[in-house]
Amino acid sequence: MPAEHPLPRDLFDDLDKTSPVPLYYQLATRLEQAIHDDILPPGARLENEIALGQRLGLSRPTVRRAIQELVDKGLIVRRRGIGTQVVHGKVTRNVDLTSLYEDLSRSGQAPRTRVLGHEVRPATEDEAEHLTLAPGDPVLHVQRLRYAEDVPLAILDNILPTEFTDITRDDLEARGLYQLLRERGVTMRIANQRIGAREATAEESELLEIKRNAAVLTMSRTAFDTAGRAVEFGQHLYRPDLYSFEITLVDR
């Protein structure tokens, strides 16, 4: 577990209890600046709310609200068994035909993958329809937990058609799925995608280290190559405090 990161006392010298600006906002602003200035680097763990409040002479509700401001901005996360930890910031993803692994790598947020499931099995009717297969054809079903700087960010559930059933767990832990497909000569051309939201299950909440029944972003995608073949069907979950989609709309 990372050690608590000490904050310089003079960082809070100008907190003004007589100011009309709420104390929680003053505290949140100074903590946010410390993160941007790398005084609090990614991975740093803040001291707990009680200790920070006692050190600064602030109430616990004031400190808790300041911390929540930074959680809402995606600058820090609360992790069970670890505490409050600094992250790089929310991942804003353009709705393009890219993978999460690539997006994280480009933004400097060292991606890591834990493979939760890996099996070759018969395709269900729904999976066969998405991949233009016959029900019962062999498919590779993989489930992965994707981390950014060791913070769980997304649960990725993918179905791959028969020609990719030899992709291994080691492959998936070492590289992104789209990278693996490109190495096999696949060029992604177009995808049907749907974005939504729902409550996380108990198991999903535990994996993502969020509150039980918290909201999660959902994304389902069927991707096709340049020949029009369906090459993957994915159903993904994302933490909304650390992840968002960005779409550009054009009036034609």
Foldseek 3Di string as FASTA:
>chain_A
DADAQDDDPVLCVPQDPPDPPDSLQVVLVSVVVCDVVCVQDFFHAHDDLVVVCVVNVHDSVSPVVSLVVCLLQQQWDQFPPGGIGGHPTAQEAEPDPDDPCVSLVVVVFDKFKDWPDWDWWFADPVRCVLQVHDGGAIWIWTWMFMDGNNQTWKIKIKIFHDVPSPQDPVNVRVDPPVVVVVVVVFAWDDKDKDKDKFFDDPVRCNSNRHDHRDMWIWMWMFIATPVRGTGMTMIMTGDPSRYHYDYDDDDD
